[in-house]
Amino acid sequence: MAQRKKHGPNFKAKVALEAVKGDQAMAELASNWGVHPTQTTNWKRHLLDELPELLKNKDKKAKIPVPCRMRYTRKSVS
């Protein structure tokens, strides 16, 4: 029995973005990337479902992070 392919998140994101673009049919897209069309459709659906949550501004007054070099610099004592 053959091992199942394990695709990383970067690969899944690339395939899902191509699917969202809609330049190719799902079967053609899946064939080009070497995955099953159903899997491509699932990744696309997951991307579209999670996208609003990623773009949602949870805190209206978001804190701007202080750069690392400013946080850890020593102040000279006079």
PDB file of N, CA and C in Angstrom:
ATOM      1  N   MET A   1       0.836  -1.172   0.000  1.00  0.00           N
ATOM      2  CA  MET A   1       0.000   0.000   0.000  1.00  0.00           C
ATOM      3  C   MET A   1       0.891   1.249   0.000  1.00  0.00           C
ATOM      4  N   ALA A   2       0.529   2.228  -0.781  1.00  0.00           N
ATOM      5  CA  ALA A   2       1.322   3.456  -0.916  1.00  0.00           C
ATOM      6  C   ALA A   2       1.067   4.397   0.262  1.00  0.00           C
ATOM      7  N   GLN A   3       2.085   5.166   0.602  1.00  0.00           N
ATOM      8  CA  GLN A   3       1.959   6.169   1.660  1.00  0.00           C
ATOM      9  C   GLN A   3       1.122   7.347   1.153  1.00  0.00           C
ATOM     10  N   ARG A   4       0.367   7.939   2.038  1.00  0.00           N
ATOM     11  CA  ARG A   4      -0.394   9.133   1.677  1.00  0.00           C
ATOM     12  C   ARG A   4       0.540  10.317   1.649  1.00  0.00           C
ATOM     13  N   LYS A   5       0.297  11.234   0.725  1.00  0.00           N
ATOM     14  CA  LYS A   5       1.114  12.438   0.636  1.00  0.00           C
ATOM     15  C   LYS A   5       0.721  13.395   1.755  1.00  0.00           C
ATOM     16  N   LYS A   6       1.735  14.014   2.344  1.00  0.00           N
ATOM     17  CA  LYS A   6       1.486  15.018   3.375  1.00  0.00           C
ATOM     18  C   LYS A   6       1.934  16.356   2.819  1.00  0.00           C
ATOM     19  N   HIS A   7       0.973  17.225   2.576  1.00  0.00           N
ATOM     20  CA  HIS A   7       1.267  18.539   2.009  1.00  0.00           C
ATOM     21  C   HIS A   7       1.361  19.566   3.129  1.00  0.00           C
ATOM     22  N   GLY A   8       2.362  20.418   3.030  1.00  0.00           N
ATOM     23  CA  GLY A   8       2.550  21.462   4.023  1.00  0.00           C
ATOM     24  C   GLY A   8       1.609  22.627   3.806  1.00  0.00           C
ATOM     25  N   PRO A   9       1.531  23.516   4.784  1.00  0.00           N
ATOM     26  CA  PRO A   9       0.613  24.652   4.681  1.00  0.00           C
ATOM     27  C   PRO A   9       0.948  25.604   3.539  1.00  0.00           C
ATOM     28  N   ASN A  10       2.228  25.759   3.217  1.00  0.00           N
ATOM     29  CA  ASN A  10       2.598  26.646   2.103  1.00  0.00           C
ATOM     30  C   ASN A  10       2.085  26.098   0.778  1.00  0.00           C
ATOM     31  N   PHE A  11       2.227  24.797   0.586  1.00  0.00           N
ATOM     32  CA  PHE A  11       1.741  24.157  -0.637  1.00  0.00           C
ATOM     33  C   PHE A  11       0.228  24.297  -0.741  1.00  0.00           C
ATOM     34  N   LYS A  12      -0.461  24.025   0.370  1.00  0.00           N
ATOM     35  CA  LYS A  12      -1.920  24.119   0.380  1.00  0.00           C
ATOM     36  C   LYS A  12      -2.379  25.546   0.061  1.00  0.00           C
ATOM     37  N   ALA A  13      -1.680  26.523   0.610  1.00  0.00           N
ATOM     38  CA  ALA A  13      -2.037  27.928   0.371  1.00  0.00           C
ATOM     39  C   ALA A  13      -1.862  28.293  -1.095  1.00  0.00           C
ATOM     40  N   LYS A  14      -0.770  27.839  -1.711  1.00  0.00           N
ATOM     41  CA  LYS A  14      -0.531  28.139  -3.128  1.00  0.00           C
ATOM     42  C   LYS A  14      -1.628  27.544  -3.999  1.00  0.00           C
ATOM     43  N   VAL A  15      -1.973  26.290  -3.734  1.00  0.00           N
ATOM     44  CA  VAL A  15      -3.013  25.622  -4.521  1.00  0.00           C
ATOM     45  C   VAL A  15      -4.363  26.299  -4.307  1.00  0.00           C
ATOM     46  N   ALA A  16      -4.674  26.641  -3.060  1.00  0.00           N
ATOM     47  CA  ALA A  16      -5.954  27.285  -2.759  1.00  0.00           C
ATOM     48  C   ALA A  16      -6.052  28.650  -3.420  1.00  0.00           C
ATOM     49  N   LEU A  17      -4.968  29.415  -3.414  1.00  0.00           N
ATOM     50  CA  LEU A  17      -4.990  30.725  -4.074  1.00  0.00           C
ATOM     51  C   LEU A  17      -5.182  30.594  -5.574  1.00  0.00           C
ATOM     52  N   GLU A  18      -4.540  29.609  -6.173  1.00  0.00           N
ATOM     53  CA  GLU A  18      -4.751  29.364  -7.603  1.00  0.00           C
ATOM     54  C   GLU A  18      -6.206  28.989  -7.866  1.00  0.00           C
ATOM     55  N   ALA A  19      -6.798  28.216  -6.968  1.00  0.00           N
ATOM     56  CA  ALA A  19      -8.201  27.821  -7.136  1.00  0.00           C
ATOM     57  C   ALA A  19      -9.125  29.033  -7.010  1.00  0.00           C
ATOM     58  N   VAL A  20      -8.818  29.942  -6.098  1.00  0.00           N
ATOM     59  CA  VAL A  20      -9.644  31.133  -5.910  1.00  0.00           C
ATOM     60  C   VAL A  20      -9.562  32.039  -7.135  1.00  0.00           C
ATOM     61  N   LYS A  21      -8.382  32.105  -7.749  1.00  0.00           N
ATOM     62  CA  LYS A  21      -8.228  32.938  -8.952  1.00  0.00           C
ATOM     63  C   LYS A  21      -9.191  32.508 -10.047  1.00  0.00           C
ATOM     64  N   GLY A  22      -9.393  31.208 -10.194  1.00  0.00           N
ATOM     65  CA  GLY A  22     -10.345  30.695 -11.169  1.00  0.00           C
ATOM     66  C   GLY A  22      -9.864  30.716 -12.607  1.00  0.00           C
ATOM     67  N   ASP A  23      -8.551  30.823 -12.823  1.00  0.00           N
ATOM     68  CA  ASP A  23      -8.008  30.842 -14.185  1.00  0.00           C
ATOM     69  C   ASP A  23      -8.094  29.479 -14.867  1.00  0.00           C
ATOM     70  N   GLN A  24      -8.123  28.420 -14.056  1.00  0.00           N
ATOM     71  CA  GLN A  24      -8.144  27.061 -14.593  1.00  0.00           C
ATOM     72  C   GLN A  24      -9.314  26.299 -13.986  1.00  0.00           C
ATOM     73  N   ALA A  25      -9.739  25.255 -14.685  1.00  0.00           N
ATOM     74  CA  ALA A  25     -10.761  24.368 -14.134  1.00  0.00           C
ATOM     75  C   ALA A  25     -10.156  23.597 -12.966  1.00  0.00           C
ATOM     76  N   MET A  26     -10.987  23.156 -12.032  1.00  0.00           N
ATOM     77  CA  MET A  26     -10.490  22.441 -10.856  1.00  0.00           C
ATOM     78  C   MET A  26      -9.716  21.181 -11.246  1.00  0.00           C
ATOM     79  N   ALA A  27     -10.227  20.447 -12.222  1.00  0.00           N
ATOM     80  CA  ALA A  27      -9.545  19.223 -12.639  1.00  0.00           C
ATOM     81  C   ALA A  27      -8.172  19.541 -13.234  1.00  0.00           C
ATOM     82  N   GLU A  28      -8.102  20.601 -14.017  1.00  0.00           N
ATOM     83  CA  GLU A  28      -6.834  21.002 -14.622  1.00  0.00           C
ATOM     84  C   GLU A  28      -5.852  21.485 -13.553  1.00  0.00           C
ATOM     85  N   LEU A  29      -6.343  22.262 -12.630  1.00  0.00           N
ATOM     86  CA  LEU A  29      -5.517  22.768 -11.538  1.00  0.00           C
ATOM     87  C   LEU A  29      -4.980  21.618 -10.689  1.00  0.00           C
ATOM     88  N   ALA A  30      -5.855  20.692 -10.354  1.00  0.00           N
ATOM     89  CA  ALA A  30      -5.447  19.536  -9.545  1.00  0.00           C
ATOM     90  C   ALA A  30      -4.413  18.694 -10.277  1.00  0.00           C
ATOM     91  N   SER A  31      -4.594  18.526 -11.568  1.00  0.00           N
ATOM     92  CA  SER A  31      -3.639  17.756 -12.358  1.00  0.00           C
ATOM     93  C   SER A  31      -2.278  18.444 -12.403  1.00  0.00           C
ATOM     94  N   ASN A  32      -2.271  19.760 -12.552  1.00  0.00           N
ATOM     95  CA  ASN A  32      -1.011  20.509 -12.593  1.00  0.00           C
ATOM     96  C   ASN A  32      -0.245  20.422 -11.277  1.00  0.00           C
ATOM     97  N   TRP A  33      -0.957  20.415 -10.159  1.00  0.00           N
ATOM     98  CA  TRP A  33      -0.317  20.381  -8.842  1.00  0.00           C
ATOM     99  C   TRP A  33      -0.151  18.969  -8.306  1.00  0.00           C
ATOM    100  N   GLY A  34      -0.748  17.987  -8.965  1.00  0.00           N
ATOM    101  CA  GLY A  34      -0.600  16.594  -8.538  1.00  0.00           C
ATOM    102  C   GLY A  34      -1.424  16.227  -7.311  1.00  0.00           C
ATOM    103  N   VAL A  35      -2.605  16.831  -7.187  1.00  0.00           N
ATOM    104  CA  VAL A  35      -3.503  16.511  -6.080  1.00  0.00           C
ATOM    105  C   VAL A  35      -4.877  16.153  -6.643  1.00  0.00           C
ATOM    106  N   HIS A  36      -5.732  15.616  -5.810  1.00  0.00           N
ATOM    107  CA  HIS A  36      -7.078  15.247  -6.241  1.00  0.00           C
ATOM    108  C   HIS A  36      -7.954  16.504  -6.303  1.00  0.00           C
ATOM    109  N   PRO A  37      -8.853  16.598  -7.287  1.00  0.00           N
ATOM    110  CA  PRO A  37      -9.722  17.782  -7.402  1.00  0.00           C
ATOM    111  C   PRO A  37     -10.556  18.052  -6.152  1.00  0.00           C
ATOM    112  N   THR A  38     -10.991  17.007  -5.467  1.00  0.00           N
ATOM    113  CA  THR A  38     -11.763  17.200  -4.244  1.00  0.00           C
ATOM    114  C   THR A  38     -10.912  17.877  -3.171  1.00  0.00           C
ATOM    115  N   GLN A  39      -9.644  17.488  -3.084  1.00  0.00           N
ATOM    116  CA  GLN A  39      -8.753  18.100  -2.105  1.00  0.00           C
ATOM    117  C   GLN A  39      -8.541  19.581  -2.416  1.00  0.00           C
ATOM    118  N   THR A  40      -8.398  19.890  -3.698  1.00  0.00           N
ATOM    119  CA  THR A  40      -8.244  21.281  -4.114  1.00  0.00           C
ATOM    120  C   THR A  40      -9.473  22.101  -3.723  1.00  0.00           C
ATOM    121  N   THR A  41     -10.639  21.544  -3.934  1.00  0.00           N
ATOM    122  CA  THR A  41     -11.881  22.215  -3.573  1.00  0.00           C
ATOM    123  C   THR A  41     -11.972  22.419  -2.063  1.00  0.00           C
ATOM    124  N   ASN A  42     -11.564  21.412  -1.296  1.00  0.00           N
ATOM    125  CA  ASN A  42     -11.596  21.532   0.175  1.00  0.00           C
ATOM    126  C   ASN A  42     -10.652  22.624   0.662  1.00  0.00           C
ATOM    127  N   TRP A  43      -9.449  22.687   0.093  1.00  0.00           N
ATOM    128  CA  TRP A  43      -8.490  23.724   0.498  1.00  0.00           C
ATOM    129  C   TRP A  43      -9.008  25.114   0.135  1.00  0.00           C
ATOM    130  N   LYS A  44      -9.638  25.230  -1.024  1.00  0.00           N
ATOM    131  CA  LYS A  44     -10.206  26.517  -1.446  1.00  0.00           C
ATOM    132  C   LYS A  44     -11.309  26.942  -0.479  1.00  0.00           C
ATOM    133  N   ARG A  45     -12.195  26.019  -0.150  1.00  0.00           N
ATOM    134  CA  ARG A  45     -13.294  26.316   0.766  1.00  0.00           C
ATOM    135  C   ARG A  45     -12.764  26.715   2.141  1.00  0.00           C
ATOM    136  N   HIS A  46     -11.748  26.006   2.612  1.00  0.00           N
ATOM    137  CA  HIS A  46     -11.152  26.325   3.911  1.00  0.00           C
ATOM    138  C   HIS A  46     -10.538  27.727   3.892  1.00  0.00           C
ATOM    139  N   LEU A  47      -9.845  28.069   2.810  1.00  0.00           N
ATOM    140  CA  LEU A  47      -9.254  29.401   2.683  1.00  0.00           C
ATOM    141  C   LEU A  47     -10.327  30.480   2.733  1.00  0.00           C
ATOM    142  N   LEU A  48     -11.388  30.292   1.976  1.00  0.00           N
ATOM    143  CA  LEU A  48     -12.453  31.291   1.926  1.00  0.00           C
ATOM    144  C   LEU A  48     -13.209  31.394   3.253  1.00  0.00           C
ATOM    145  N   ASP A  49     -13.314  30.280   3.985  1.00  0.00           N
ATOM    146  CA  ASP A  49     -13.982  30.304   5.285  1.00  0.00           C
ATOM    147  C   ASP A  49     -13.145  31.022   6.340  1.00  0.00           C
ATOM    148  N   GLU A  50     -11.839  30.841   6.300  1.00  0.00           N
ATOM    149  CA  GLU A  50     -10.957  31.392   7.325  1.00  0.00           C
ATOM    150  C   GLU A  50     -10.479  32.813   7.014  1.00  0.00           C
ATOM    151  N   LEU A  51     -10.584  33.250   5.787  1.00  0.00           N
ATOM    152  CA  LEU A  51     -10.065  34.557   5.388  1.00  0.00           C
ATOM    153  C   LEU A  51     -10.679  35.726   6.166  1.00  0.00           C
ATOM    154  N   PRO A  52     -11.984  35.784   6.358  1.00  0.00           N
ATOM    155  CA  PRO A  52     -12.544  36.906   7.128  1.00  0.00           C
ATOM    156  C   PRO A  52     -11.983  36.988   8.552  1.00  0.00           C
ATOM    157  N   GLU A  53     -11.761  35.837   9.163  1.00  0.00           N
ATOM    158  CA  GLU A  53     -11.215  35.817  10.523  1.00  0.00           C
ATOM    159  C   GLU A  53      -9.793  36.349  10.550  1.00  0.00           C
ATOM    160  N   LEU A  54      -9.015  36.048   9.522  1.00  0.00           N
ATOM    161  CA  LEU A  54      -7.648  36.531   9.450  1.00  0.00           C
ATOM    162  C   LEU A  54      -7.585  38.040   9.272  1.00  0.00           C
ATOM    163  N   LEU A  55      -8.550  38.583   8.554  1.00  0.00           N
ATOM    164  CA  LEU A  55      -8.536  40.005   8.248  1.00  0.00           C
ATOM    165  C   LEU A  55      -9.317  40.855   9.246  1.00  0.00           C
ATOM    166  N   LYS A  56      -9.979  40.208  10.176  1.00  0.00           N
ATOM    167  CA  LYS A  56     -10.785  40.923  11.150  1.00  0.00           C
ATOM    168  C   LYS A  56      -9.878  41.678  12.126  1.00  0.00           C
ATOM    169  N   ASN A  57     -10.201  42.938  12.352  1.00  0.00           N
ATOM    170  CA  ASN A  57      -9.446  43.760  13.297  1.00  0.00           C
ATOM    171  C   ASN A  57     -10.058  43.552  14.672  1.00  0.00           C
ATOM    172  N   LYS A  58      -9.400  42.754  15.509  1.00  0.00           N
ATOM    173  CA  LYS A  58      -9.948  42.423  16.816  1.00  0.00           C
ATOM    174  C   LYS A  58      -9.858  43.580  17.803  1.00  0.00           C
ATOM    175  N   ASP A  59      -8.812  44.371  17.710  1.00  0.00           N
ATOM    176  CA  ASP A  59      -8.607  45.457  18.650  1.00  0.00           C
ATOM    177  C   ASP A  59      -8.543  46.764  17.877  1.00  0.00           C
ATOM    178  N   LYS A  60      -9.470  47.659  18.160  1.00  0.00           N
ATOM    179  CA  LYS A  60      -9.509  48.932  17.431  1.00  0.00           C
ATOM    180  C   LYS A  60      -8.258  49.758  17.676  1.00  0.00           C
ATOM    181  N   LYS A  61      -7.741  49.709  18.886  1.00  0.00           N
ATOM    182  CA  LYS A  61      -6.512  50.439  19.211  1.00  0.00           C
ATOM    183  C   LYS A  61      -5.365  49.436  19.307  1.00  0.00           C
ATOM    184  N   ALA A  62      -4.946  48.953  18.185  1.00  0.00           N
ATOM    185  CA  ALA A  62      -3.876  47.965  18.165  1.00  0.00           C
ATOM    186  C   ALA A  62      -2.574  48.602  18.619  1.00  0.00           C
ATOM    187  N   LYS A  63      -1.853  47.888  19.462  1.00  0.00           N
ATOM    188  CA  LYS A  63      -0.579  48.390  19.943  1.00  0.00           C
ATOM    189  C   LYS A  63       0.478  48.181  18.874  1.00  0.00           C
ATOM    190  N   ILE A  64       1.279  49.182  18.660  1.00  0.00           N
ATOM    191  CA  ILE A  64       2.368  49.080  17.696  1.00  0.00           C
ATOM    192  C   ILE A  64       3.561  48.508  18.437  1.00  0.00           C
ATOM    193  N   PRO A  65       4.094  47.373  17.990  1.00  0.00           N
ATOM    194  CA  PRO A  65       5.208  46.765  18.707  1.00  0.00           C
ATOM    195  C   PRO A  65       6.470  47.616  18.608  1.00  0.00           C
ATOM    196  N   VAL A  66       7.200  47.655  19.703  1.00  0.00           N
ATOM    197  CA  VAL A  66       8.458  48.394  19.748  1.00  0.00           C
ATOM    198  C   VAL A  66       9.529  47.506  19.135  1.00  0.00           C
ATOM    199  N   PRO A  67      10.327  48.029  18.222  1.00  0.00           N
ATOM    200  CA  PRO A  67      11.385  47.201  17.633  1.00  0.00           C
ATOM    201  C   PRO A  67      12.299  46.625  18.710  1.00  0.00           C
ATOM    202  N   CYS A  68      12.824  45.446  18.462  1.00  0.00           N
ATOM    203  CA  CYS A  68      13.650  44.737  19.439  1.00  0.00           C
ATOM    204  C   CYS A  68      14.840  45.573  19.886  1.00  0.00           C
ATOM    205  N   ARG A  69      15.494  46.230  18.960  1.00  0.00           N
ATOM    206  CA  ARG A  69      16.697  46.968  19.338  1.00  0.00           C
ATOM    207  C   ARG A  69      16.370  48.122  20.275  1.00  0.00           C
ATOM    208  N   MET A  70      15.147  48.638  20.236  1.00  0.00           N
ATOM    209  CA  MET A  70      14.766  49.724  21.132  1.00  0.00           C
ATOM    210  C   MET A  70      14.407  49.183  22.512  1.00  0.00           C
ATOM    211  N   ARG A  71      13.888  47.972  22.570  1.00  0.00           N
ATOM    212  CA  ARG A  71      13.494  47.381  23.835  1.00  0.00           C
ATOM    213  C   ARG A  71      14.688  47.056  24.723  1.00  0.00           C
ATOM    214  N   TYR A  72      15.762  46.607  24.112  1.00  0.00           N
ATOM    215  CA  TYR A  72      16.864  46.055  24.882  1.00  0.00           C
ATOM    216  C   TYR A  72      18.112  46.934  24.916  1.00  0.00           C
ATOM    217  N   THR A  73      18.008  48.170  24.506  1.00  0.00           N
ATOM    218  CA  THR A  73      19.164  49.041  24.585  1.00  0.00           C
ATOM    219  C   THR A  73      19.281  49.573  26.001  1.00  0.00           C
ATOM    220  N   ARG A  74      20.514  49.710  26.447  1.00  0.00           N
ATOM    221  CA  ARG A  74      20.754  50.250  27.788  1.00  0.00           C
ATOM    222  C   ARG A  74      20.736  51.766  27.742  1.00  0.00           C
ATOM    223  N   LYS A  75      20.203  52.322  28.785  1.00  0.00           N
ATOM    224  CA  LYS A  75      20.217  53.773  28.903  1.00  0.00           C
ATOM    225  C   LYS A  75      21.473  54.157  29.681  1.00  0.00           C
ATOM    226  N   SER A  76      22.143  55.172  29.209  1.00  0.00           N
ATOM    227  CA  SER A  76      23.339  55.603  29.913  1.00  0.00           C
ATOM    228  C   SER A  76      22.952  56.369  31.173  1.00  0.00           C
ATOM    229  N   VAL A  77      23.642  56.065  32.250  1.00  0.00           N
ATOM    230  CA  VAL A  77      23.379  56.719  33.533  1.00  0.00           C
ATOM    231  C   VAL A  77      24.381  57.825  33.709  1.00  0.00           C
ATOM    232  N   SER A  78      23.890  59.035  33.960  1.00  0.00           N
ATOM    233  CA  SER A  78      24.791  60.185  34.131  1.00  0.00           C
ATOM    234  C   SER A  78      25.099  60.438  35.576  1.00  0.00           C
TER     235      SER A  78
END
